[in-house]
N, C-alpha and C. Protein backbone atom coordinates (compact mmCIF):
# COMPACT_ATOMS: atom_id res chain seq x y z
N MET A 1 125.34 140.53 80.63
CA MET A 1 125.65 139.13 80.92
C MET A 1 125.30 138.27 79.71
N ASP A 2 126.26 137.56 79.12
CA ASP A 2 126.03 136.74 77.94
C ASP A 2 125.21 135.51 78.30
N TYR A 3 124.46 135.04 77.30
CA TYR A 3 123.50 133.95 77.51
C TYR A 3 123.52 133.05 76.29
N ALA A 4 123.39 131.75 76.49
CA ALA A 4 123.36 130.81 75.37
C ALA A 4 122.40 129.67 75.69
N GLN A 5 121.73 129.18 74.65
CA GLN A 5 120.84 128.03 74.79
C GLN A 5 120.97 127.18 73.54
N TRP A 6 121.05 125.86 73.69
CA TRP A 6 121.21 124.98 72.54
C TRP A 6 120.64 123.60 72.86
N CYS A 7 120.50 122.77 71.81
CA CYS A 7 119.91 121.44 71.94
C CYS A 7 120.80 120.40 71.28
N ALA A 8 120.66 119.18 71.75
CA ALA A 8 121.34 118.04 71.14
C ALA A 8 120.61 116.77 71.56
N GLU A 9 120.34 115.91 70.61
CA GLU A 9 119.67 114.64 70.86
C GLU A 9 118.37 114.80 71.66
N GLY A 10 117.63 115.84 71.33
CA GLY A 10 116.34 116.05 71.97
C GLY A 10 116.39 116.66 73.35
N ALA A 11 117.57 117.03 73.83
CA ALA A 11 117.72 117.65 75.15
C ALA A 11 118.24 119.07 74.98
N ALA A 12 118.02 119.90 76.00
CA ALA A 12 118.42 121.31 75.94
C ALA A 12 119.32 121.67 77.10
N ALA A 13 120.22 122.62 76.86
CA ALA A 13 121.10 123.17 77.89
C ALA A 13 121.07 124.69 77.81
N ILE A 14 121.29 125.32 78.94
CA ILE A 14 121.32 126.78 79.04
C ILE A 14 122.61 127.16 79.77
N ALA A 15 123.24 128.25 79.33
CA ALA A 15 124.45 128.74 80.00
C ALA A 15 124.44 130.26 80.00
N TRP A 16 124.97 130.84 81.06
CA TRP A 16 125.14 132.30 81.10
C TRP A 16 126.51 132.59 81.72
N ARG A 17 127.18 133.61 81.18
CA ARG A 17 128.54 133.93 81.62
C ARG A 17 128.51 134.82 82.84
N ARG A 18 129.20 134.39 83.89
CA ARG A 18 129.26 135.15 85.13
C ARG A 18 130.35 136.21 85.04
N PRO A 19 130.35 137.17 85.96
CA PRO A 19 131.38 138.20 85.95
C PRO A 19 132.80 137.70 86.22
N ASP A 20 132.98 136.43 86.62
CA ASP A 20 134.33 135.91 86.78
C ASP A 20 134.80 135.17 85.53
N GLY A 21 134.02 135.23 84.44
CA GLY A 21 134.42 134.61 83.18
C GLY A 21 133.94 133.19 82.99
N GLN A 22 133.43 132.56 84.03
CA GLN A 22 132.94 131.20 83.91
C GLN A 22 131.49 131.20 83.40
N TRP A 23 131.14 130.15 82.67
CA TRP A 23 129.78 129.97 82.19
C TRP A 23 129.04 129.04 83.14
N GLN A 24 128.00 129.55 83.78
CA GLN A 24 127.14 128.72 84.62
C GLN A 24 126.26 127.90 83.70
N LEU A 25 126.35 126.58 83.82
CA LEU A 25 125.69 125.67 82.90
C LEU A 25 124.54 124.95 83.59
N ARG A 26 123.37 124.96 82.96
CA ARG A 26 122.22 124.22 83.47
C ARG A 26 121.96 123.05 82.53
N LEU A 27 122.14 121.85 83.04
CA LEU A 27 121.98 120.64 82.26
C LEU A 27 120.67 119.95 82.60
N PRO A 28 120.14 119.12 81.70
CA PRO A 28 118.91 118.38 82.00
C PRO A 28 119.17 117.26 83.00
N GLU A 29 118.12 116.74 83.57
CA GLU A 29 118.25 115.65 84.54
C GLU A 29 118.81 114.39 83.89
N ALA A 30 118.52 114.18 82.61
CA ALA A 30 118.96 112.96 81.93
C ALA A 30 120.45 113.05 81.61
N THR A 31 121.27 112.38 82.42
CA THR A 31 122.72 112.50 82.27
C THR A 31 123.24 111.91 80.96
N GLU A 32 122.48 111.01 80.34
CA GLU A 32 122.96 110.40 79.10
C GLU A 32 123.03 111.41 77.95
N ALA A 33 122.33 112.54 78.08
CA ALA A 33 122.38 113.56 77.04
C ALA A 33 123.56 114.51 77.20
N TRP A 34 124.25 114.47 78.31
CA TRP A 34 125.30 115.45 78.59
C TRP A 34 126.45 115.42 77.59
N PRO A 35 127.01 114.25 77.22
CA PRO A 35 128.14 114.28 76.28
C PRO A 35 127.80 115.00 74.97
N ALA A 36 126.61 114.72 74.40
CA ALA A 36 126.24 115.37 73.15
C ALA A 36 126.05 116.88 73.34
N LEU A 37 125.44 117.28 74.46
CA LEU A 37 125.24 118.71 74.72
C LEU A 37 126.56 119.44 74.87
N LEU A 38 127.51 118.85 75.57
CA LEU A 38 128.81 119.49 75.74
C LEU A 38 129.56 119.54 74.43
N ALA A 39 129.43 118.51 73.61
CA ALA A 39 130.12 118.49 72.32
C ALA A 39 129.55 119.53 71.37
N ASP A 40 128.25 119.79 71.45
CA ASP A 40 127.59 120.72 70.52
C ASP A 40 127.44 122.13 71.08
N ARG A 41 128.08 122.43 72.18
CA ARG A 41 127.93 123.74 72.81
C ARG A 41 128.51 124.83 71.91
N PRO A 42 128.06 126.08 72.07
CA PRO A 42 128.69 127.19 71.33
C PRO A 42 130.17 127.31 71.68
N ALA A 43 130.97 127.73 70.71
CA ALA A 43 132.42 127.78 70.90
C ALA A 43 132.83 128.67 72.06
N ALA A 44 132.06 129.73 72.33
CA ALA A 44 132.43 130.66 73.40
C ALA A 44 132.29 130.05 74.79
N VAL A 45 131.47 129.01 74.91
CA VAL A 45 131.22 128.39 76.21
C VAL A 45 132.37 127.43 76.51
N ASP A 46 133.42 127.97 77.14
CA ASP A 46 134.63 127.18 77.36
C ASP A 46 134.87 126.86 78.83
N ARG A 47 134.93 127.87 79.68
CA ARG A 47 135.10 127.64 81.12
C ARG A 47 133.71 127.48 81.73
N VAL A 48 133.37 126.27 82.10
CA VAL A 48 131.99 126.01 82.52
C VAL A 48 131.94 125.57 83.98
N LEU A 49 130.79 125.81 84.57
CA LEU A 49 130.55 125.48 85.98
C LEU A 49 129.16 124.88 86.08
N VAL A 50 129.05 123.77 86.79
CA VAL A 50 127.77 123.11 87.04
C VAL A 50 127.57 122.99 88.54
N THR A 51 126.42 123.41 89.03
CA THR A 51 126.09 123.27 90.44
C THR A 51 125.20 122.04 90.62
N ALA A 52 125.65 121.10 91.45
CA ALA A 52 124.94 119.83 91.64
C ALA A 52 124.56 119.65 93.10
N THR A 53 123.30 119.30 93.33
CA THR A 53 122.86 118.97 94.68
C THR A 53 122.65 117.47 94.85
N GLU A 54 122.63 116.75 93.74
CA GLU A 54 122.43 115.31 93.79
C GLU A 54 123.77 114.59 93.67
N GLU A 55 124.07 113.71 94.61
CA GLU A 55 125.33 112.97 94.55
C GLU A 55 125.39 112.07 93.32
N THR A 56 124.24 111.73 92.75
CA THR A 56 124.23 110.88 91.56
C THR A 56 124.86 111.57 90.35
N TRP A 57 125.03 112.89 90.43
CA TRP A 57 125.68 113.61 89.35
C TRP A 57 127.20 113.58 89.44
N ASP A 58 127.74 113.20 90.58
CA ASP A 58 129.18 113.27 90.79
C ASP A 58 129.96 112.45 89.76
N ALA A 59 129.61 111.19 89.63
CA ALA A 59 130.35 110.31 88.73
C ALA A 59 130.24 110.75 87.27
N PRO A 60 129.02 111.07 86.75
CA PRO A 60 128.94 111.53 85.35
C PRO A 60 129.76 112.80 85.09
N LEU A 61 129.76 113.74 86.02
CA LEU A 61 130.54 114.96 85.83
C LEU A 61 132.04 114.66 85.84
N ALA A 62 132.46 113.82 86.77
CA ALA A 62 133.87 113.45 86.83
C ALA A 62 134.30 112.74 85.54
N ASP A 63 133.45 111.87 85.02
CA ASP A 63 133.77 111.15 83.78
C ASP A 63 133.93 112.09 82.60
N LEU A 64 133.24 113.24 82.65
CA LEU A 64 133.31 114.21 81.55
C LEU A 64 134.44 115.22 81.75
N GLY A 65 135.26 115.03 82.77
CA GLY A 65 136.42 115.89 82.97
C GLY A 65 136.21 117.05 83.91
N PHE A 66 135.07 117.06 84.62
CA PHE A 66 134.82 118.12 85.59
C PHE A 66 135.55 117.83 86.90
N THR A 67 135.90 118.90 87.61
CA THR A 67 136.56 118.80 88.91
C THR A 67 135.71 119.51 89.96
N ALA A 68 135.53 118.87 91.12
CA ALA A 68 134.80 119.50 92.22
C ALA A 68 135.64 120.65 92.77
N ALA A 69 135.12 121.88 92.66
CA ALA A 69 135.90 123.07 93.03
C ALA A 69 135.44 123.70 94.32
N ARG A 70 134.18 123.55 94.66
CA ARG A 70 133.65 124.25 95.83
C ARG A 70 132.42 123.53 96.34
N THR A 71 132.35 123.34 97.66
CA THR A 71 131.18 122.71 98.27
C THR A 71 130.59 123.67 99.29
N GLU A 72 129.27 123.84 99.22
CA GLU A 72 128.58 124.73 100.14
C GLU A 72 127.58 123.96 100.99
N GLN A 73 127.51 124.35 102.25
CA GLN A 73 126.49 123.84 103.16
C GLN A 73 125.29 124.77 103.11
N VAL A 74 124.12 124.22 102.88
CA VAL A 74 122.88 125.00 102.89
C VAL A 74 122.30 124.94 104.30
N TRP A 75 121.89 126.10 104.82
CA TRP A 75 121.38 126.22 106.19
C TRP A 75 119.99 126.83 106.18
N ARG A 76 119.20 126.46 107.17
CA ARG A 76 117.99 127.19 107.55
C ARG A 76 118.32 127.98 108.81
N LEU A 77 118.14 129.30 108.74
CA LEU A 77 118.45 130.16 109.89
C LEU A 77 117.16 130.69 110.50
N PRO A 78 116.87 130.36 111.77
CA PRO A 78 115.68 130.93 112.42
C PRO A 78 115.92 132.39 112.76
N LEU A 79 115.01 133.25 112.37
CA LEU A 79 115.19 134.68 112.62
C LEU A 79 115.22 135.00 114.10
N ALA A 80 114.56 134.18 114.92
CA ALA A 80 114.54 134.43 116.35
C ALA A 80 115.94 134.40 116.96
N ALA A 81 116.87 133.69 116.31
CA ALA A 81 118.23 133.56 116.86
C ALA A 81 119.19 134.60 116.29
N LEU A 82 118.75 135.41 115.33
CA LEU A 82 119.65 136.38 114.71
C LEU A 82 119.73 137.65 115.55
N PRO A 83 120.78 138.46 115.35
CA PRO A 83 120.99 139.63 116.20
C PRO A 83 119.85 140.64 116.12
N ALA A 84 119.68 141.39 117.20
CA ALA A 84 118.74 142.51 117.20
C ALA A 84 119.39 143.68 116.46
N PRO A 85 118.61 144.58 115.88
CA PRO A 85 119.19 145.73 115.18
C PRO A 85 120.01 146.61 116.11
N VAL A 86 121.08 147.19 115.56
CA VAL A 86 121.98 148.06 116.33
C VAL A 86 121.68 149.51 115.96
N THR A 87 121.58 150.37 116.93
CA THR A 87 121.35 151.80 116.67
C THR A 87 122.53 152.61 117.19
N GLY A 88 122.75 153.74 116.51
CA GLY A 88 123.78 154.67 116.98
C GLY A 88 125.20 154.21 116.76
N GLY A 89 125.43 153.27 115.84
CA GLY A 89 126.77 152.78 115.57
C GLY A 89 127.54 153.69 114.62
N SER A 90 128.66 153.19 114.14
CA SER A 90 129.53 153.98 113.27
C SER A 90 129.02 154.07 111.84
N HIS A 91 128.04 153.21 111.49
CA HIS A 91 127.57 153.15 110.12
C HIS A 91 126.05 153.32 110.02
N GLU A 92 125.64 153.87 108.90
CA GLU A 92 124.23 153.91 108.56
C GLU A 92 123.98 152.83 107.52
N PHE A 93 122.90 152.07 107.66
CA PHE A 93 122.58 151.00 106.73
C PHE A 93 121.57 151.54 105.72
N THR A 94 122.04 151.75 104.50
CA THR A 94 121.29 152.43 103.46
C THR A 94 120.87 151.46 102.36
N PRO A 95 119.61 151.48 101.93
CA PRO A 95 119.21 150.64 100.79
C PRO A 95 120.08 150.93 99.57
N VAL A 96 120.39 149.89 98.82
CA VAL A 96 121.30 150.04 97.68
C VAL A 96 120.79 151.05 96.68
N THR A 97 119.47 151.21 96.56
CA THR A 97 118.90 152.16 95.61
C THR A 97 119.22 153.60 95.97
N GLY A 98 119.66 153.87 97.20
CA GLY A 98 120.04 155.21 97.60
C GLY A 98 121.54 155.43 97.57
N CYS A 99 122.28 154.51 96.93
CA CYS A 99 123.75 154.58 96.92
C CYS A 99 124.28 154.75 95.50
N ASP A 100 125.54 155.15 95.41
CA ASP A 100 126.24 155.29 94.13
C ASP A 100 126.55 153.88 93.61
N LEU A 101 125.99 153.51 92.46
CA LEU A 101 126.13 152.14 91.97
C LEU A 101 127.56 151.80 91.56
N VAL A 102 128.34 152.79 91.15
CA VAL A 102 129.75 152.52 90.83
C VAL A 102 130.50 152.08 92.10
N ARG A 103 130.24 152.78 93.20
CA ARG A 103 130.90 152.42 94.46
C ARG A 103 130.35 151.10 95.00
N VAL A 104 129.06 150.85 94.80
CA VAL A 104 128.49 149.57 95.22
C VAL A 104 129.13 148.43 94.43
N ARG A 105 129.30 148.63 93.12
CA ARG A 105 129.96 147.61 92.30
C ARG A 105 131.36 147.32 92.83
N ASP A 106 132.12 148.36 93.15
CA ASP A 106 133.48 148.15 93.65
C ASP A 106 133.47 147.39 94.98
N LEU A 107 132.52 147.74 95.85
CA LEU A 107 132.40 147.04 97.13
C LEU A 107 132.01 145.59 96.92
N ASP A 108 131.05 145.36 96.03
CA ASP A 108 130.60 143.99 95.77
C ASP A 108 131.74 143.14 95.23
N ASN A 109 132.52 143.68 94.30
CA ASN A 109 133.65 142.93 93.76
C ASN A 109 134.67 142.61 94.85
N LEU A 110 134.93 143.58 95.73
CA LEU A 110 135.88 143.36 96.82
C LEU A 110 135.38 142.27 97.77
N VAL A 111 134.10 142.34 98.14
CA VAL A 111 133.54 141.33 99.04
C VAL A 111 133.57 139.95 98.40
N ARG A 112 133.20 139.86 97.14
CA ARG A 112 133.19 138.56 96.46
C ARG A 112 134.58 137.96 96.37
N ARG A 113 135.60 138.80 96.18
CA ARG A 113 136.96 138.27 96.06
C ARG A 113 137.46 137.67 97.37
N GLN A 114 136.77 137.96 98.48
CA GLN A 114 137.13 137.34 99.76
C GLN A 114 136.45 135.98 99.95
N ILE A 115 135.53 135.63 99.04
CA ILE A 115 134.78 134.38 99.15
C ILE A 115 135.46 133.31 98.33
N PRO A 116 135.80 132.16 98.90
CA PRO A 116 136.43 131.09 98.11
C PRO A 116 135.61 130.75 96.88
N GLY A 117 136.30 130.66 95.74
CA GLY A 117 135.62 130.34 94.50
C GLY A 117 135.17 131.55 93.71
N SER A 118 135.24 132.76 94.29
CA SER A 118 134.81 133.97 93.59
C SER A 118 135.94 134.98 93.44
N GLU A 119 137.18 134.50 93.55
CA GLU A 119 138.32 135.40 93.54
C GLU A 119 138.46 136.20 92.24
N ASP A 120 137.96 135.69 91.12
CA ASP A 120 138.11 136.36 89.83
C ASP A 120 136.89 137.21 89.46
N TRP A 121 135.99 137.42 90.40
CA TRP A 121 134.74 138.13 90.10
C TRP A 121 135.02 139.57 89.70
N ARG A 122 134.49 139.98 88.55
CA ARG A 122 134.65 141.36 88.06
C ARG A 122 133.30 141.85 87.55
N GLY A 123 132.40 142.16 88.47
CA GLY A 123 131.08 142.62 88.09
C GLY A 123 131.11 144.04 87.56
N THR A 124 130.12 144.39 86.75
CA THR A 124 130.00 145.72 86.18
C THR A 124 128.76 146.41 86.74
N VAL A 125 128.65 147.69 86.48
CA VAL A 125 127.45 148.42 86.90
C VAL A 125 126.22 147.86 86.19
N GLU A 126 126.38 147.45 84.93
CA GLU A 126 125.26 146.87 84.20
C GLU A 126 124.81 145.55 84.84
N ASP A 127 125.78 144.72 85.28
CA ASP A 127 125.43 143.50 86.00
C ASP A 127 124.61 143.84 87.24
N LEU A 128 125.04 144.89 87.94
CA LEU A 128 124.34 145.30 89.16
C LEU A 128 122.91 145.76 88.83
N ARG A 129 122.75 146.51 87.77
CA ARG A 129 121.41 146.97 87.39
C ARG A 129 120.51 145.79 87.05
N VAL A 130 121.05 144.78 86.38
CA VAL A 130 120.26 143.58 86.08
C VAL A 130 119.82 142.91 87.38
N THR A 131 120.72 142.84 88.34
CA THR A 131 120.39 142.26 89.64
C THR A 131 119.25 143.02 90.31
N LEU A 132 119.29 144.34 90.24
CA LEU A 132 118.28 145.15 90.91
C LEU A 132 116.92 145.09 90.20
N ALA A 133 116.91 144.56 88.98
CA ALA A 133 115.65 144.38 88.25
C ALA A 133 115.03 143.02 88.51
N ASP A 134 115.70 142.18 89.30
CA ASP A 134 115.19 140.84 89.59
C ASP A 134 113.87 140.92 90.36
N ASP A 135 112.96 140.01 90.08
CA ASP A 135 111.66 140.01 90.76
C ASP A 135 111.80 139.82 92.27
N GLU A 136 112.88 139.18 92.72
CA GLU A 136 113.06 138.91 94.15
C GLU A 136 113.85 140.00 94.86
N PHE A 137 114.24 141.05 94.14
CA PHE A 137 114.97 142.16 94.76
C PHE A 137 114.02 142.99 95.62
N ASP A 138 114.50 143.37 96.80
CA ASP A 138 113.77 144.25 97.71
C ASP A 138 114.78 145.22 98.31
N PRO A 139 114.66 146.52 98.06
CA PRO A 139 115.67 147.47 98.55
C PRO A 139 115.84 147.46 100.06
N ASP A 140 114.81 147.10 100.81
CA ASP A 140 114.94 147.06 102.27
C ASP A 140 115.77 145.87 102.74
N LEU A 141 116.06 144.95 101.83
CA LEU A 141 116.82 143.76 102.18
C LEU A 141 118.18 143.70 101.50
N TYR A 142 118.54 144.79 100.81
CA TYR A 142 119.85 144.91 100.18
C TYR A 142 120.44 146.21 100.68
N LEU A 143 121.25 146.12 101.73
CA LEU A 143 121.72 147.30 102.45
C LEU A 143 123.23 147.47 102.32
N ILE A 144 123.66 148.72 102.28
CA ILE A 144 125.07 149.08 102.24
C ILE A 144 125.42 149.79 103.56
N ALA A 145 126.52 149.38 104.17
CA ALA A 145 127.00 150.02 105.40
C ALA A 145 127.84 151.24 105.02
N VAL A 146 127.29 152.42 105.24
CA VAL A 146 127.96 153.68 104.90
C VAL A 146 128.49 154.32 106.18
N HIS A 147 129.79 154.57 106.23
CA HIS A 147 130.40 155.15 107.44
C HIS A 147 129.88 156.57 107.66
N ARG A 148 129.43 156.84 108.87
CA ARG A 148 128.82 158.14 109.17
C ARG A 148 129.82 159.28 109.06
N GLY A 149 131.09 159.02 109.30
CA GLY A 149 132.09 160.08 109.25
C GLY A 149 132.71 160.26 107.88
N SER A 150 133.27 159.19 107.33
CA SER A 150 134.01 159.28 106.07
C SER A 150 133.14 159.07 104.83
N GLY A 151 131.97 158.45 104.99
CA GLY A 151 131.13 158.15 103.84
C GLY A 151 131.56 156.94 103.05
N THR A 152 132.56 156.21 103.54
CA THR A 152 133.02 155.02 102.83
C THR A 152 131.96 153.92 102.88
N TYR A 153 131.96 153.08 101.85
CA TYR A 153 131.09 151.91 101.80
C TYR A 153 131.89 150.73 102.35
N ASP A 154 131.50 150.23 103.51
CA ASP A 154 132.33 149.27 104.22
C ASP A 154 131.73 147.88 104.35
N GLY A 155 130.50 147.67 103.91
CA GLY A 155 129.90 146.34 104.00
C GLY A 155 128.57 146.30 103.29
N LEU A 156 128.09 145.09 103.07
CA LEU A 156 126.78 144.94 102.42
C LEU A 156 126.12 143.65 102.88
N ILE A 157 124.81 143.63 102.75
CA ILE A 157 124.03 142.42 102.95
C ILE A 157 122.98 142.38 101.85
N ARG A 158 122.78 141.17 101.29
CA ARG A 158 121.85 141.02 100.18
C ARG A 158 120.96 139.81 100.47
N VAL A 159 119.66 140.06 100.62
CA VAL A 159 118.69 139.00 100.85
C VAL A 159 117.67 139.04 99.72
N TRP A 160 117.42 137.91 99.10
CA TRP A 160 116.41 137.81 98.05
C TRP A 160 115.10 137.37 98.69
N TYR A 161 114.02 138.07 98.35
CA TYR A 161 112.73 137.82 98.99
C TYR A 161 112.01 136.68 98.27
N ARG A 162 112.47 135.45 98.53
CA ARG A 162 111.91 134.26 97.90
C ARG A 162 110.85 133.63 98.79
N ARG A 163 110.06 132.74 98.17
CA ARG A 163 109.08 131.92 98.89
C ARG A 163 109.50 130.46 98.76
N PRO A 164 109.38 129.64 99.78
CA PRO A 164 108.79 129.96 101.08
C PRO A 164 109.77 130.65 102.03
N ARG A 165 111.09 130.62 101.72
CA ARG A 165 112.06 131.26 102.60
C ARG A 165 112.88 132.26 101.81
N PRO A 166 113.06 133.48 102.32
CA PRO A 166 114.01 134.40 101.71
C PRO A 166 115.42 133.79 101.77
N ARG A 167 116.25 134.20 100.82
CA ARG A 167 117.61 133.65 100.75
C ARG A 167 118.62 134.75 101.05
N LEU A 168 119.45 134.51 102.06
CA LEU A 168 120.58 135.39 102.37
C LEU A 168 121.69 135.05 101.38
N GLY A 169 121.86 135.91 100.35
CA GLY A 169 122.80 135.60 99.29
C GLY A 169 124.22 136.04 99.59
N CYS A 170 124.38 137.16 100.30
CA CYS A 170 125.74 137.65 100.57
C CYS A 170 125.73 138.54 101.80
N LEU A 171 126.74 138.38 102.62
CA LEU A 171 127.00 139.24 103.77
C LEU A 171 128.50 139.38 103.87
N GLY A 172 129.01 140.61 103.75
CA GLY A 172 130.45 140.79 103.80
C GLY A 172 130.83 142.22 104.12
N VAL A 173 132.02 142.37 104.68
CA VAL A 173 132.56 143.70 105.00
C VAL A 173 133.99 143.78 104.47
N VAL A 174 134.48 145.00 104.32
CA VAL A 174 135.84 145.20 103.85
C VAL A 174 136.81 144.72 104.92
N PRO A 175 138.06 144.38 104.54
CA PRO A 175 139.00 143.77 105.50
C PRO A 175 139.17 144.53 106.81
N GLN A 176 139.23 145.86 106.76
CA GLN A 176 139.49 146.62 107.99
C GLN A 176 138.32 146.59 108.96
N TRP A 177 137.15 146.13 108.51
CA TRP A 177 136.00 146.05 109.40
C TRP A 177 135.62 144.62 109.74
N ARG A 178 136.49 143.68 109.38
CA ARG A 178 136.25 142.31 109.81
C ARG A 178 136.58 142.18 111.30
N ARG A 179 136.00 141.18 111.93
CA ARG A 179 136.18 140.94 113.38
C ARG A 179 135.60 142.09 114.20
N THR A 180 134.64 142.81 113.63
CA THR A 180 133.92 143.85 114.38
C THR A 180 132.44 143.46 114.39
N ARG A 181 131.61 144.36 114.90
CA ARG A 181 130.17 144.09 114.96
C ARG A 181 129.44 144.56 113.71
N LEU A 182 130.17 144.96 112.68
CA LEU A 182 129.51 145.52 111.50
C LEU A 182 128.67 144.46 110.77
N ALA A 183 129.21 143.28 110.56
CA ALA A 183 128.45 142.23 109.88
C ALA A 183 127.20 141.86 110.68
N ALA A 184 127.35 141.76 112.00
CA ALA A 184 126.20 141.44 112.85
C ALA A 184 125.15 142.54 112.79
N GLY A 185 125.61 143.80 112.68
CA GLY A 185 124.67 144.91 112.57
C GLY A 185 123.85 144.84 111.30
N LEU A 186 124.51 144.54 110.18
CA LEU A 186 123.79 144.39 108.91
C LEU A 186 122.79 143.24 109.00
N LEU A 187 123.21 142.13 109.59
CA LEU A 187 122.32 140.98 109.73
C LEU A 187 121.12 141.32 110.60
N GLY A 188 121.36 142.05 111.68
CA GLY A 188 120.27 142.43 112.57
C GLY A 188 119.26 143.35 111.90
N ALA A 189 119.76 144.22 111.01
CA ALA A 189 118.86 145.17 110.34
C ALA A 189 117.88 144.45 109.42
N VAL A 190 118.38 143.52 108.60
CA VAL A 190 117.45 142.83 107.70
C VAL A 190 116.59 141.83 108.46
N ALA A 191 117.13 141.25 109.54
CA ALA A 191 116.33 140.32 110.34
C ALA A 191 115.13 141.04 110.94
N ALA A 192 115.33 142.27 111.40
CA ALA A 192 114.21 143.04 111.97
C ALA A 192 113.13 143.29 110.92
N THR A 193 113.54 143.63 109.70
CA THR A 193 112.57 143.87 108.62
C THR A 193 111.78 142.61 108.32
N LEU A 194 112.48 141.48 108.25
CA LEU A 194 111.80 140.21 107.93
C LEU A 194 110.86 139.79 109.05
N ARG A 195 111.27 140.00 110.29
CA ARG A 195 110.39 139.65 111.42
C ARG A 195 109.09 140.46 111.34
N GLU A 196 109.20 141.74 110.99
CA GLU A 196 108.01 142.59 110.88
C GLU A 196 107.06 142.06 109.81
N ARG A 197 107.58 141.34 108.83
CA ARG A 197 106.75 140.79 107.76
C ARG A 197 106.24 139.39 108.09
N GLY A 198 106.55 138.91 109.27
CA GLY A 198 106.07 137.60 109.67
C GLY A 198 106.92 136.44 109.20
N VAL A 199 108.12 136.72 108.67
CA VAL A 199 109.02 135.66 108.23
C VAL A 199 109.70 135.06 109.45
N THR A 200 109.84 133.75 109.48
CA THR A 200 110.45 133.08 110.64
C THR A 200 111.80 132.46 110.33
N GLU A 201 112.10 132.20 109.05
CA GLU A 201 113.36 131.57 108.69
C GLU A 201 113.88 132.14 107.37
N VAL A 202 115.21 132.11 107.24
CA VAL A 202 115.84 132.39 105.95
C VAL A 202 116.75 131.22 105.60
N GLU A 203 117.14 131.18 104.33
CA GLU A 203 118.05 130.14 103.86
C GLU A 203 119.35 130.81 103.42
N THR A 204 120.47 130.12 103.64
CA THR A 204 121.74 130.66 103.19
C THR A 204 122.70 129.51 102.93
N GLU A 205 123.85 129.82 102.33
CA GLU A 205 124.87 128.82 102.09
C GLU A 205 126.21 129.34 102.61
N THR A 206 127.05 128.44 103.08
CA THR A 206 128.41 128.80 103.47
C THR A 206 129.37 127.81 102.83
N ASP A 207 130.47 128.34 102.31
CA ASP A 207 131.51 127.47 101.76
C ASP A 207 132.13 126.67 102.91
N VAL A 208 132.30 125.38 102.71
CA VAL A 208 132.80 124.55 103.80
C VAL A 208 134.23 124.93 104.18
N ARG A 209 134.95 125.65 103.30
CA ARG A 209 136.32 126.08 103.64
C ARG A 209 136.34 127.40 104.40
N ASN A 210 135.21 128.10 104.42
CA ASN A 210 135.14 129.40 105.09
C ASN A 210 134.69 129.19 106.53
N ARG A 211 135.64 128.97 107.41
CA ARG A 211 135.32 128.60 108.78
C ARG A 211 134.56 129.71 109.51
N ASP A 212 134.85 130.98 109.19
CA ASP A 212 134.19 132.08 109.88
C ASP A 212 132.69 132.08 109.60
N SER A 213 132.31 131.99 108.32
CA SER A 213 130.88 132.03 107.99
C SER A 213 130.19 130.75 108.44
N HIS A 214 130.90 129.63 108.35
CA HIS A 214 130.34 128.34 108.79
C HIS A 214 130.02 128.40 110.28
N THR A 215 130.97 128.92 111.06
CA THR A 215 130.79 129.02 112.50
C THR A 215 129.69 130.01 112.85
N MET A 216 129.63 131.12 112.08
CA MET A 216 128.61 132.15 112.34
C MET A 216 127.21 131.58 112.13
N ALA A 217 127.03 130.78 111.07
CA ALA A 217 125.71 130.19 110.82
C ALA A 217 125.32 129.24 111.95
N ALA A 218 126.26 128.42 112.39
CA ALA A 218 125.96 127.47 113.46
C ALA A 218 125.67 128.20 114.77
N ARG A 219 126.43 129.27 115.04
CA ARG A 219 126.26 130.02 116.29
C ARG A 219 124.91 130.69 116.36
N HIS A 220 124.34 131.04 115.20
CA HIS A 220 123.04 131.71 115.17
C HIS A 220 121.90 130.74 114.94
N GLY A 221 122.09 129.50 115.34
CA GLY A 221 121.00 128.53 115.32
C GLY A 221 120.72 127.90 113.98
N GLY A 222 121.68 127.99 113.04
CA GLY A 222 121.48 127.42 111.72
C GLY A 222 121.28 125.91 111.76
N VAL A 223 120.33 125.44 110.99
CA VAL A 223 120.05 124.01 110.87
C VAL A 223 120.61 123.55 109.52
N PRO A 224 121.62 122.67 109.50
CA PRO A 224 122.20 122.24 108.23
C PRO A 224 121.23 121.40 107.43
N GLU A 225 121.14 121.72 106.13
CA GLU A 225 120.31 120.95 105.22
C GLU A 225 121.24 120.14 104.31
N HIS A 226 121.02 120.19 103.01
CA HIS A 226 121.87 119.47 102.07
C HIS A 226 123.11 120.31 101.73
N ARG A 227 124.01 119.71 100.97
CA ARG A 227 125.16 120.42 100.44
C ARG A 227 125.08 120.49 98.92
N THR A 228 125.67 121.53 98.36
CA THR A 228 125.77 121.64 96.91
C THR A 228 127.25 121.73 96.53
N THR A 229 127.58 121.21 95.37
CA THR A 229 128.97 121.22 94.89
C THR A 229 129.03 121.88 93.54
N GLU A 230 130.01 122.78 93.37
CA GLU A 230 130.28 123.39 92.08
C GLU A 230 131.37 122.59 91.38
N TRP A 231 131.07 122.14 90.17
CA TRP A 231 132.01 121.37 89.35
C TRP A 231 132.46 122.25 88.19
N THR A 232 133.75 122.31 87.92
CA THR A 232 134.27 123.18 86.86
C THR A 232 135.06 122.36 85.85
N ALA A 233 135.14 122.91 84.63
CA ALA A 233 135.93 122.28 83.58
C ALA A 233 136.25 123.34 82.53
N THR A 234 137.38 123.16 81.88
CA THR A 234 137.74 123.96 80.70
C THR A 234 137.63 123.03 79.51
N LEU A 235 136.71 123.32 78.61
CA LEU A 235 136.38 122.41 77.51
C LEU A 235 136.94 122.92 76.16
């Protein structure tokens, strides 16, 4: 994953290239420094994305040519309302460390392409290895749904063990297993692990255009918090 850091007018910016080709850009709080930072950016940093939680950033980003591309609702999910673990189903839920990383990469790319805003995601095995080296990675909270008969990888759930609340980063299944109990089974498996550790809530985000995930969060007792918006530009 490429990384860049630079300064202008006493302020600093950081950017890293995501597997979909966009550069995730971290800007300082002082919006007056943004024009100089964008002007002095490395030449490779062209397709950029900024995630904003403060509405006060909307106007400055729009003035600089950014377009609001995706809005996510942040939720607090009480574990008491999440499904109980399922036993004896069609799939075994295996920690990612016990799986073939090439096949996990292919599954992850497929799941991400079903998420609005991630259609161009092309992760590599090296990207996956970097993810698994993260301090918040826990193999018991990153599970792959492996079909007991065919051995196919049909779904995944990824929870980062953060404080004060773990973050549910991704939950998805392949198209042929949508509208089944597979996603709920994955959710129930990690919820049981977290309950055993004394965790009472997790945090997650849903794209406001993804009605299925939005409804699922609300149905499981999700409490809506703030929203975040991804702003994109080609510079």
